[in-house]
Amino acid sequence: EEYEGKDEVGRLNCGHYFHICCIKQWLLQKNACPVCKLAASDH
């Protein structure tokens, strides 16, 4: 989905962007990008 100017957007190390609220919930379950499956890092 498209991002609006007011949306809080975050980027994972792999370069994919997500709504902050969505990706936080995802990363609580799986520590990997939902698009490319690259491990998310906490660095």
PDB file of N, CA and C in Angstrom:
ATOM      1  N   GLU A   1       0.834  -1.177   0.000  1.00  0.00           N
ATOM      2  CA  GLU A   1       0.000   0.000   0.000  1.00  0.00           C
ATOM      3  C   GLU A   1       0.876   1.236   0.000  1.00  0.00           C
ATOM      4  N   GLU A   2       0.320   2.325  -0.483  1.00  0.00           N
ATOM      5  CA  GLU A   2       1.070   3.583  -0.553  1.00  0.00           C
ATOM      6  C   GLU A   2       1.179   4.218   0.828  1.00  0.00           C
ATOM      7  N   TYR A   3       2.260   4.942   1.044  1.00  0.00           N
ATOM      8  CA  TYR A   3       2.452   5.652   2.298  1.00  0.00           C
ATOM      9  C   TYR A   3       2.013   7.093   2.138  1.00  0.00           C
ATOM     10  N   GLU A   4       1.354   7.613   3.160  1.00  0.00           N
ATOM     11  CA  GLU A   4       0.936   9.007   3.182  1.00  0.00           C
ATOM     12  C   GLU A   4       2.011   9.818   3.901  1.00  0.00           C
ATOM     13  N   GLY A   5       2.006  11.123   3.747  1.00  0.00           N
ATOM     14  CA  GLY A   5       2.998  11.992   4.357  1.00  0.00           C
ATOM     15  C   GLY A   5       3.061  11.895   5.871  1.00  0.00           C
ATOM     16  N   LYS A   6       1.939  11.601   6.512  1.00  0.00           N
ATOM     17  CA  LYS A   6       1.886  11.536   7.966  1.00  0.00           C
ATOM     18  C   LYS A   6       2.204  10.139   8.515  1.00  0.00           C
ATOM     19  N   ASP A   7       2.314   9.152   7.651  1.00  0.00           N
ATOM     20  CA  ASP A   7       2.582   7.782   8.088  1.00  0.00           C
ATOM     21  C   ASP A   7       3.987   7.653   8.665  1.00  0.00           C
ATOM     22  N   GLU A   8       4.102   6.914   9.750  1.00  0.00           N
ATOM     23  CA  GLU A   8       5.415   6.603  10.300  1.00  0.00           C
ATOM     24  C   GLU A   8       5.928   5.363   9.577  1.00  0.00           C
ATOM     25  N   VAL A   9       7.037   5.525   8.887  1.00  0.00           N
ATOM     26  CA  VAL A   9       7.574   4.454   8.064  1.00  0.00           C
ATOM     27  C   VAL A   9       8.978   4.113   8.554  1.00  0.00           C
ATOM     28  N   GLY A  10       9.267   2.819   8.610  1.00  0.00           N
ATOM     29  CA  GLY A  10      10.598   2.370   9.003  1.00  0.00           C
ATOM     30  C   GLY A  10      11.207   1.508   7.916  1.00  0.00           C
ATOM     31  N   ARG A  11      12.532   1.442   7.913  1.00  0.00           N
ATOM     32  CA  ARG A  11      13.240   0.649   6.909  1.00  0.00           C
ATOM     33  C   ARG A  11      14.087  -0.397   7.618  1.00  0.00           C
ATOM     34  N   LEU A  12      14.012  -1.634   7.136  1.00  0.00           N
ATOM     35  CA  LEU A  12      14.864  -2.696   7.655  1.00  0.00           C
ATOM     36  C   LEU A  12      16.217  -2.641   6.954  1.00  0.00           C
ATOM     37  N   ASN A  13      17.188  -3.372   7.475  1.00  0.00           N
ATOM     38  CA  ASN A  13      18.538  -3.373   6.895  1.00  0.00           C
ATOM     39  C   ASN A  13      18.556  -3.820   5.437  1.00  0.00           C
ATOM     40  N   CYS A  14      17.604  -4.623   5.033  1.00  0.00           N
ATOM     41  CA  CYS A  14      17.531  -5.101   3.652  1.00  0.00           C
ATOM     42  C   CYS A  14      17.073  -4.003   2.689  1.00  0.00           C
ATOM     43  N   GLY A  15      16.509  -2.915   3.244  1.00  0.00           N
ATOM     44  CA  GLY A  15      16.071  -1.804   2.406  1.00  0.00           C
ATOM     45  C   GLY A  15      14.571  -1.732   2.190  1.00  0.00           C
ATOM     46  N   HIS A  16      13.810  -2.706   2.674  1.00  0.00           N
ATOM     47  CA  HIS A  16      12.358  -2.660   2.518  1.00  0.00           C
ATOM     48  C   HIS A  16      11.746  -1.745   3.572  1.00  0.00           C
ATOM     49  N   TYR A  17      10.701  -1.023   3.166  1.00  0.00           N
ATOM     50  CA  TYR A  17      10.013  -0.065   4.037  1.00  0.00           C
ATOM     51  C   TYR A  17       8.658  -0.623   4.468  1.00  0.00           C
ATOM     52  N   PHE A  18       8.277  -0.288   5.698  1.00  0.00           N
ATOM     53  CA  PHE A  18       7.009  -0.751   6.254  1.00  0.00           C
ATOM     54  C   PHE A  18       6.443   0.307   7.183  1.00  0.00           C
ATOM     55  N   HIS A  19       5.121   0.281   7.371  1.00  0.00           N
ATOM     56  CA  HIS A  19       4.529   1.090   8.427  1.00  0.00           C
ATOM     57  C   HIS A  19       5.121   0.602   9.745  1.00  0.00           C
ATOM     58  N   ILE A  20       5.528   1.538  10.600  1.00  0.00           N
ATOM     59  CA  ILE A  20       6.158   1.189  11.878  1.00  0.00           C
ATOM     60  C   ILE A  20       5.276   0.248  12.692  1.00  0.00           C
ATOM     61  N   CYS A  21       3.992   0.570  12.824  1.00  0.00           N
ATOM     62  CA  CYS A  21       3.113  -0.250  13.656  1.00  0.00           C
ATOM     63  C   CYS A  21       2.996  -1.676  13.110  1.00  0.00           C
ATOM     64  N   CYS A  22       3.023  -1.837  11.801  1.00  0.00           N
ATOM     65  CA  CYS A  22       2.908  -3.164  11.196  1.00  0.00           C
ATOM     66  C   CYS A  22       4.188  -3.974  11.388  1.00  0.00           C
ATOM     67  N   ILE A  23       5.325  -3.372  11.103  1.00  0.00           N
ATOM     68  CA  ILE A  23       6.570  -4.127  11.156  1.00  0.00           C
ATOM     69  C   ILE A  23       6.963  -4.454  12.593  1.00  0.00           C
ATOM     70  N   LYS A  24       6.620  -3.599  13.548  1.00  0.00           N
ATOM     71  CA  LYS A  24       6.907  -3.921  14.952  1.00  0.00           C
ATOM     72  C   LYS A  24       6.178  -5.191  15.368  1.00  0.00           C
ATOM     73  N   GLN A  25       4.924  -5.293  14.995  1.00  0.00           N
ATOM     74  CA  GLN A  25       4.149  -6.490  15.331  1.00  0.00           C
ATOM     75  C   GLN A  25       4.734  -7.728  14.644  1.00  0.00           C
ATOM     76  N   TRP A  26       5.111  -7.589  13.387  1.00  0.00           N
ATOM     77  CA  TRP A  26       5.697  -8.698  12.642  1.00  0.00           C
ATOM     78  C   TRP A  26       6.989  -9.177  13.300  1.00  0.00           C
ATOM     79  N   LEU A  27       7.865  -8.235  13.649  1.00  0.00           N
ATOM     80  CA  LEU A  27       9.170  -8.586  14.208  1.00  0.00           C
ATOM     81  C   LEU A  27       9.072  -9.207  15.599  1.00  0.00           C
ATOM     82  N   LEU A  28       7.966  -8.992  16.294  1.00  0.00           N
ATOM     83  CA  LEU A  28       7.755  -9.685  17.567  1.00  0.00           C
ATOM     84  C   LEU A  28       7.579 -11.184  17.350  1.00  0.00           C
ATOM     85  N   GLN A  29       7.075 -11.552  16.179  1.00  0.00           N
ATOM     86  CA  GLN A  29       6.822 -12.953  15.856  1.00  0.00           C
ATOM     87  C   GLN A  29       7.988 -13.595  15.083  1.00  0.00           C
ATOM     88  N   LYS A  30       8.526 -12.854  14.146  1.00  0.00           N
ATOM     89  CA  LYS A  30       9.592 -13.364  13.276  1.00  0.00           C
ATOM     90  C   LYS A  30      10.646 -12.284  13.094  1.00  0.00           C
ATOM     91  N   ASN A  31      11.885 -12.601  13.332  1.00  0.00           N
ATOM     92  CA  ASN A  31      12.962 -11.618  13.224  1.00  0.00           C
ATOM     93  C   ASN A  31      13.551 -11.613  11.812  1.00  0.00           C
ATOM     94  N   ALA A  32      12.670 -11.395  10.837  1.00  0.00           N
ATOM     95  CA  ALA A  32      13.100 -11.384   9.437  1.00  0.00           C
ATOM     96  C   ALA A  32      12.151 -10.522   8.618  1.00  0.00           C
ATOM     97  N   CYS A  33      12.651  -9.994   7.539  1.00  0.00           N
ATOM     98  CA  CYS A  33      11.840  -9.197   6.625  1.00  0.00           C
ATOM     99  C   CYS A  33      10.731 -10.064   6.026  1.00  0.00           C
ATOM    100  N   PRO A  34       9.481  -9.596   6.037  1.00  0.00           N
ATOM    101  CA  PRO A  34       8.400 -10.376   5.453  1.00  0.00           C
ATOM    102  C   PRO A  34       8.452 -10.469   3.923  1.00  0.00           C
ATOM    103  N   VAL A  35       9.256  -9.623   3.288  1.00  0.00           N
ATOM    104  CA  VAL A  35       9.356  -9.643   1.826  1.00  0.00           C
ATOM    105  C   VAL A  35      10.469 -10.576   1.358  1.00  0.00           C
ATOM    106  N   CYS A  36      11.692 -10.343   1.870  1.00  0.00           N
ATOM    107  CA  CYS A  36      12.846 -11.087   1.352  1.00  0.00           C
ATOM    108  C   CYS A  36      13.398 -12.120   2.334  1.00  0.00           C
ATOM    109  N   LYS A  37      12.844 -12.139   3.553  1.00  0.00           N
ATOM    110  CA  LYS A  37      13.229 -13.108   4.600  1.00  0.00           C
ATOM    111  C   LYS A  37      14.631 -12.892   5.163  1.00  0.00           C
ATOM    112  N   LEU A  38      15.281 -11.790   4.831  1.00  0.00           N
ATOM    113  CA  LEU A  38      16.586 -11.481   5.403  1.00  0.00           C
ATOM    114  C   LEU A  38      16.407 -11.203   6.887  1.00  0.00           C
ATOM    115  N   ALA A  39      17.300 -11.747   7.691  1.00  0.00           N
ATOM    116  CA  ALA A  39      17.204 -11.558   9.141  1.00  0.00           C
ATOM    117  C   ALA A  39      17.262 -10.080   9.493  1.00  0.00           C
ATOM    118  N   ALA A  40      16.357  -9.672  10.373  1.00  0.00           N
ATOM    119  CA  ALA A  40      16.374  -8.301  10.872  1.00  0.00           C
ATOM    120  C   ALA A  40      17.432  -8.223  11.957  1.00  0.00           C
ATOM    121  N   SER A  41      18.095  -7.100  12.027  1.00  0.00           N
ATOM    122  CA  SER A  41      19.169  -6.927  12.997  1.00  0.00           C
ATOM    123  C   SER A  41      18.787  -5.851  13.990  1.00  0.00           C
ATOM    124  N   ASP A  42      19.254  -5.994  15.215  1.00  0.00           N
ATOM    125  CA  ASP A  42      18.992  -4.963  16.204  1.00  0.00           C
ATOM    126  C   ASP A  42      20.173  -4.023  16.347  1.00  0.00           C
ATOM    127  N   HIS A  43      21.092  -4.023  15.371  1.00  0.00           N
ATOM    128  CA  HIS A  43      22.272  -3.138  15.409  1.00  0.00           C
ATOM    129  C   HIS A  43      21.909  -1.785  14.868  1.00  0.00           C
TER     130      HIS A  43
END
